[in-house]
Amino acid sequence: MKAVRFIAKLLMVIGALNWGLVGFFGYDLVGDIFGGMHSAGARVIFALVGLAGLYGIVMLCKCCCGCSCGPNCNCHHKK
C-alpha cells in the first residue's frame, strides 16, 4: 500500500508541475515528451494523473471525514 501512495503522490506532483508549466509558459511537457497532447502516451499519463488525483481526494476525505487511517495517523483528533 505504501507503493501505491508513493506512486499516487508522484503522479500528482507530475500533474501539478505540468499544469504549472502550461499556466505560466504555455508549455505542455508531458505532451511534448510523448509526441503531442493527443498522443496515446500523453493520454495514458494524463489518465493516470487524474486517477492519482481521485485517489488523493479519497485519502483526504477518508482522513478528514471519519478517520480510519490507523495508529500512524496525524489527524487533529488524535493529538
N, C-alpha and C. Protein backbone atom coordinates (compact mmCIF):
# COMPACT_ATOMS: atom_id res chain seq x y z
N MET A 1 0.81 -1.20 0.00
CA MET A 1 0.00 0.00 0.00
C MET A 1 0.86 1.27 0.00
N LYS A 2 2.05 1.17 0.62
CA LYS A 2 2.96 2.32 0.61
C LYS A 2 3.37 2.67 -0.82
N ALA A 3 3.58 1.65 -1.64
CA ALA A 3 3.98 1.89 -3.03
C ALA A 3 2.87 2.61 -3.80
N VAL A 4 1.63 2.23 -3.56
CA VAL A 4 0.50 2.88 -4.24
C VAL A 4 0.43 4.34 -3.83
N ARG A 5 0.58 4.62 -2.54
CA ARG A 5 0.56 6.01 -2.07
C ARG A 5 1.71 6.81 -2.67
N PHE A 6 2.89 6.22 -2.73
CA PHE A 6 4.05 6.92 -3.30
C PHE A 6 3.82 7.22 -4.78
N ILE A 7 3.36 6.24 -5.53
CA ILE A 7 3.11 6.44 -6.97
C ILE A 7 2.03 7.49 -7.18
N ALA A 8 0.97 7.44 -6.37
CA ALA A 8 -0.10 8.44 -6.50
C ALA A 8 0.44 9.84 -6.22
N LYS A 9 1.24 9.98 -5.18
CA LYS A 9 1.82 11.29 -4.86
C LYS A 9 2.75 11.76 -5.97
N LEU A 10 3.55 10.86 -6.50
CA LEU A 10 4.46 11.21 -7.58
C LEU A 10 3.68 11.68 -8.81
N LEU A 11 2.62 10.96 -9.15
CA LEU A 11 1.80 11.36 -10.30
C LEU A 11 1.11 12.70 -10.06
N MET A 12 0.69 12.96 -8.83
CA MET A 12 0.07 14.25 -8.53
C MET A 12 1.09 15.38 -8.67
N VAL A 13 2.33 15.15 -8.27
CA VAL A 13 3.38 16.16 -8.43
C VAL A 13 3.67 16.39 -9.91
N ILE A 14 3.76 15.31 -10.67
CA ILE A 14 3.99 15.44 -12.11
C ILE A 14 2.88 16.25 -12.75
N GLY A 15 1.64 15.93 -12.39
CA GLY A 15 0.50 16.67 -12.93
C GLY A 15 0.52 18.14 -12.54
N ALA A 16 0.85 18.41 -11.28
CA ALA A 16 0.89 19.80 -10.82
C ALA A 16 1.99 20.59 -11.54
N LEU A 17 3.15 19.98 -11.68
CA LEU A 17 4.24 20.66 -12.39
C LEU A 17 3.89 20.90 -13.85
N ASN A 18 3.27 19.91 -14.49
CA ASN A 18 2.90 20.07 -15.89
C ASN A 18 1.87 21.19 -16.05
N TRP A 19 0.87 21.22 -15.15
CA TRP A 19 -0.13 22.30 -15.23
C TRP A 19 0.50 23.65 -14.93
N GLY A 20 1.48 23.68 -14.04
CA GLY A 20 2.20 24.93 -13.79
C GLY A 20 2.91 25.43 -15.04
N LEU A 21 3.56 24.50 -15.73
CA LEU A 21 4.24 24.87 -16.98
C LEU A 21 3.24 25.36 -18.02
N VAL A 22 2.10 24.70 -18.11
CA VAL A 22 1.07 25.13 -19.07
C VAL A 22 0.56 26.51 -18.69
N GLY A 23 0.30 26.72 -17.40
CA GLY A 23 -0.25 28.01 -16.96
C GLY A 23 0.72 29.17 -17.10
N PHE A 24 1.97 28.95 -16.72
CA PHE A 24 2.94 30.04 -16.74
C PHE A 24 3.58 30.27 -18.11
N PHE A 25 3.81 29.19 -18.83
CA PHE A 25 4.59 29.31 -20.06
C PHE A 25 3.89 28.78 -21.31
N GLY A 26 2.71 28.20 -21.16
CA GLY A 26 2.01 27.63 -22.32
C GLY A 26 2.73 26.41 -22.88
N TYR A 27 3.46 25.70 -22.02
CA TYR A 27 4.27 24.56 -22.47
C TYR A 27 3.79 23.28 -21.78
N ASP A 28 3.41 22.30 -22.58
CA ASP A 28 2.93 21.02 -22.08
C ASP A 28 4.07 20.00 -22.16
N LEU A 29 4.79 19.82 -21.06
CA LEU A 29 5.95 18.93 -21.04
C LEU A 29 5.55 17.48 -21.31
N VAL A 30 4.49 17.01 -20.67
CA VAL A 30 4.06 15.62 -20.87
C VAL A 30 3.70 15.40 -22.34
N GLY A 31 2.93 16.32 -22.90
CA GLY A 31 2.58 16.20 -24.31
C GLY A 31 3.80 16.23 -25.21
N ASP A 32 4.77 17.07 -24.88
CA ASP A 32 5.98 17.18 -25.68
C ASP A 32 6.81 15.89 -25.60
N ILE A 33 6.91 15.32 -24.41
CA ILE A 33 7.69 14.09 -24.25
C ILE A 33 7.06 12.94 -25.00
N PHE A 34 5.73 12.87 -24.99
CA PHE A 34 5.04 11.71 -25.56
C PHE A 34 4.48 11.95 -26.95
N GLY A 35 4.89 13.01 -27.62
CA GLY A 35 4.53 13.19 -29.02
C GLY A 35 3.25 13.96 -29.25
N GLY A 36 2.91 14.84 -28.38
CA GLY A 36 1.72 15.67 -28.55
C GLY A 36 0.67 15.39 -27.51
N MET A 37 -0.14 16.40 -27.26
CA MET A 37 -1.16 16.31 -26.22
C MET A 37 -2.16 15.20 -26.47
N HIS A 38 -2.43 14.90 -27.72
CA HIS A 38 -3.45 13.91 -28.06
C HIS A 38 -2.86 12.54 -28.39
N SER A 39 -1.58 12.36 -28.17
CA SER A 39 -0.97 11.06 -28.43
C SER A 39 -1.41 10.06 -27.37
N ALA A 40 -1.30 8.80 -27.70
CA ALA A 40 -1.72 7.74 -26.78
C ALA A 40 -0.91 7.78 -25.49
N GLY A 41 0.40 8.01 -25.59
CA GLY A 41 1.25 8.04 -24.41
C GLY A 41 0.87 9.17 -23.47
N ALA A 42 0.65 10.36 -24.03
CA ALA A 42 0.27 11.51 -23.20
C ALA A 42 -1.08 11.27 -22.56
N ARG A 43 -2.01 10.70 -23.31
CA ARG A 43 -3.35 10.45 -22.75
C ARG A 43 -3.29 9.44 -21.62
N VAL A 44 -2.41 8.45 -21.72
CA VAL A 44 -2.25 7.48 -20.63
C VAL A 44 -1.72 8.18 -19.39
N ILE A 45 -0.70 9.03 -19.55
CA ILE A 45 -0.14 9.77 -18.41
C ILE A 45 -1.19 10.69 -17.81
N PHE A 46 -1.92 11.41 -18.65
CA PHE A 46 -2.97 12.30 -18.14
C PHE A 46 -4.03 11.50 -17.38
N ALA A 47 -4.40 10.34 -17.89
CA ALA A 47 -5.39 9.50 -17.21
C ALA A 47 -4.85 9.01 -15.86
N LEU A 48 -3.60 8.60 -15.82
CA LEU A 48 -3.00 8.14 -14.57
C LEU A 48 -2.91 9.29 -13.55
N VAL A 49 -2.58 10.48 -14.02
CA VAL A 49 -2.54 11.64 -13.12
C VAL A 49 -3.94 11.92 -12.58
N GLY A 50 -4.94 11.81 -13.43
CA GLY A 50 -6.31 12.01 -12.99
C GLY A 50 -6.74 10.98 -11.95
N LEU A 51 -6.39 9.72 -12.18
CA LEU A 51 -6.71 8.67 -11.20
C LEU A 51 -5.98 8.91 -9.88
N ALA A 52 -4.73 9.37 -9.97
CA ALA A 52 -3.98 9.68 -8.76
C ALA A 52 -4.64 10.83 -8.00
N GLY A 53 -5.15 11.81 -8.72
CA GLY A 53 -5.87 12.91 -8.07
C GLY A 53 -7.12 12.43 -7.37
N LEU A 54 -7.87 11.54 -8.01
CA LEU A 54 -9.06 10.97 -7.37
C LEU A 54 -8.68 10.19 -6.13
N TYR A 55 -7.61 9.43 -6.21
CA TYR A 55 -7.12 8.68 -5.05
C TYR A 55 -6.75 9.65 -3.92
N GLY A 56 -6.11 10.76 -4.29
CA GLY A 56 -5.74 11.76 -3.29
C GLY A 56 -6.96 12.37 -2.62
N ILE A 57 -8.01 12.63 -3.38
CA ILE A 57 -9.24 13.16 -2.80
C ILE A 57 -9.84 12.15 -1.84
N VAL A 58 -9.88 10.89 -2.23
CA VAL A 58 -10.43 9.85 -1.36
C VAL A 58 -9.63 9.75 -0.07
N MET A 59 -8.30 9.78 -0.18
CA MET A 59 -7.47 9.69 1.02
C MET A 59 -7.65 10.92 1.91
N LEU A 60 -7.80 12.09 1.32
CA LEU A 60 -8.02 13.31 2.08
C LEU A 60 -9.35 13.24 2.82
N CYS A 61 -10.40 12.83 2.13
CA CYS A 61 -11.72 12.74 2.75
C CYS A 61 -11.75 11.63 3.80
N LYS A 62 -11.07 10.55 3.54
CA LYS A 62 -11.04 9.44 4.50
C LYS A 62 -10.42 9.90 5.80
N CYS A 63 -9.38 10.70 5.72
CA CYS A 63 -8.68 11.17 6.91
C CYS A 63 -9.47 12.26 7.61
N CYS A 64 -10.14 13.10 6.88
CA CYS A 64 -10.81 14.25 7.48
C CYS A 64 -12.27 13.99 7.85
N CYS A 65 -12.87 12.97 7.30
CA CYS A 65 -14.31 12.78 7.46
C CYS A 65 -14.64 11.49 8.20
N GLY A 66 -13.87 11.09 9.13
CA GLY A 66 -14.15 9.85 9.84
C GLY A 66 -12.94 8.95 9.76
N CYS A 67 -11.95 9.30 10.49
CA CYS A 67 -10.64 8.69 10.37
C CYS A 67 -10.66 7.19 10.61
N SER A 68 -10.08 6.49 9.69
CA SER A 68 -9.80 5.07 9.87
C SER A 68 -8.41 4.79 9.35
N CYS A 69 -7.52 5.77 9.54
CA CYS A 69 -6.18 5.71 8.98
C CYS A 69 -5.26 4.75 9.74
N GLY A 70 -5.54 4.52 10.99
CA GLY A 70 -4.70 3.63 11.75
C GLY A 70 -3.85 4.35 12.77
N PRO A 71 -2.95 3.62 13.41
CA PRO A 71 -2.18 4.19 14.51
C PRO A 71 -1.18 5.27 14.11
N ASN A 72 -0.79 5.33 12.85
CA ASN A 72 0.19 6.33 12.41
C ASN A 72 -0.45 7.60 11.86
N CYS A 73 -1.73 7.75 12.05
CA CYS A 73 -2.46 8.90 11.52
C CYS A 73 -2.05 10.16 12.27
N ASN A 74 -1.99 11.27 11.56
CA ASN A 74 -1.65 12.55 12.16
C ASN A 74 -2.87 13.48 12.22
N CYS A 75 -4.05 12.93 12.26
CA CYS A 75 -5.26 13.74 12.29
C CYS A 75 -5.34 14.56 13.57
N HIS A 76 -6.05 15.67 13.48
CA HIS A 76 -6.14 16.59 14.61
C HIS A 76 -6.79 15.97 15.85
N HIS A 77 -7.69 15.03 15.67
CA HIS A 77 -8.40 14.50 16.82
C HIS A 77 -7.57 13.52 17.63
N LYS A 78 -6.41 13.11 17.11
CA LYS A 78 -5.56 12.18 17.84
C LYS A 78 -4.42 12.89 18.58
N LYS A 79 -4.31 14.19 18.40
CA LYS A 79 -3.20 14.93 19.01
C LYS A 79 -3.51 15.27 20.45
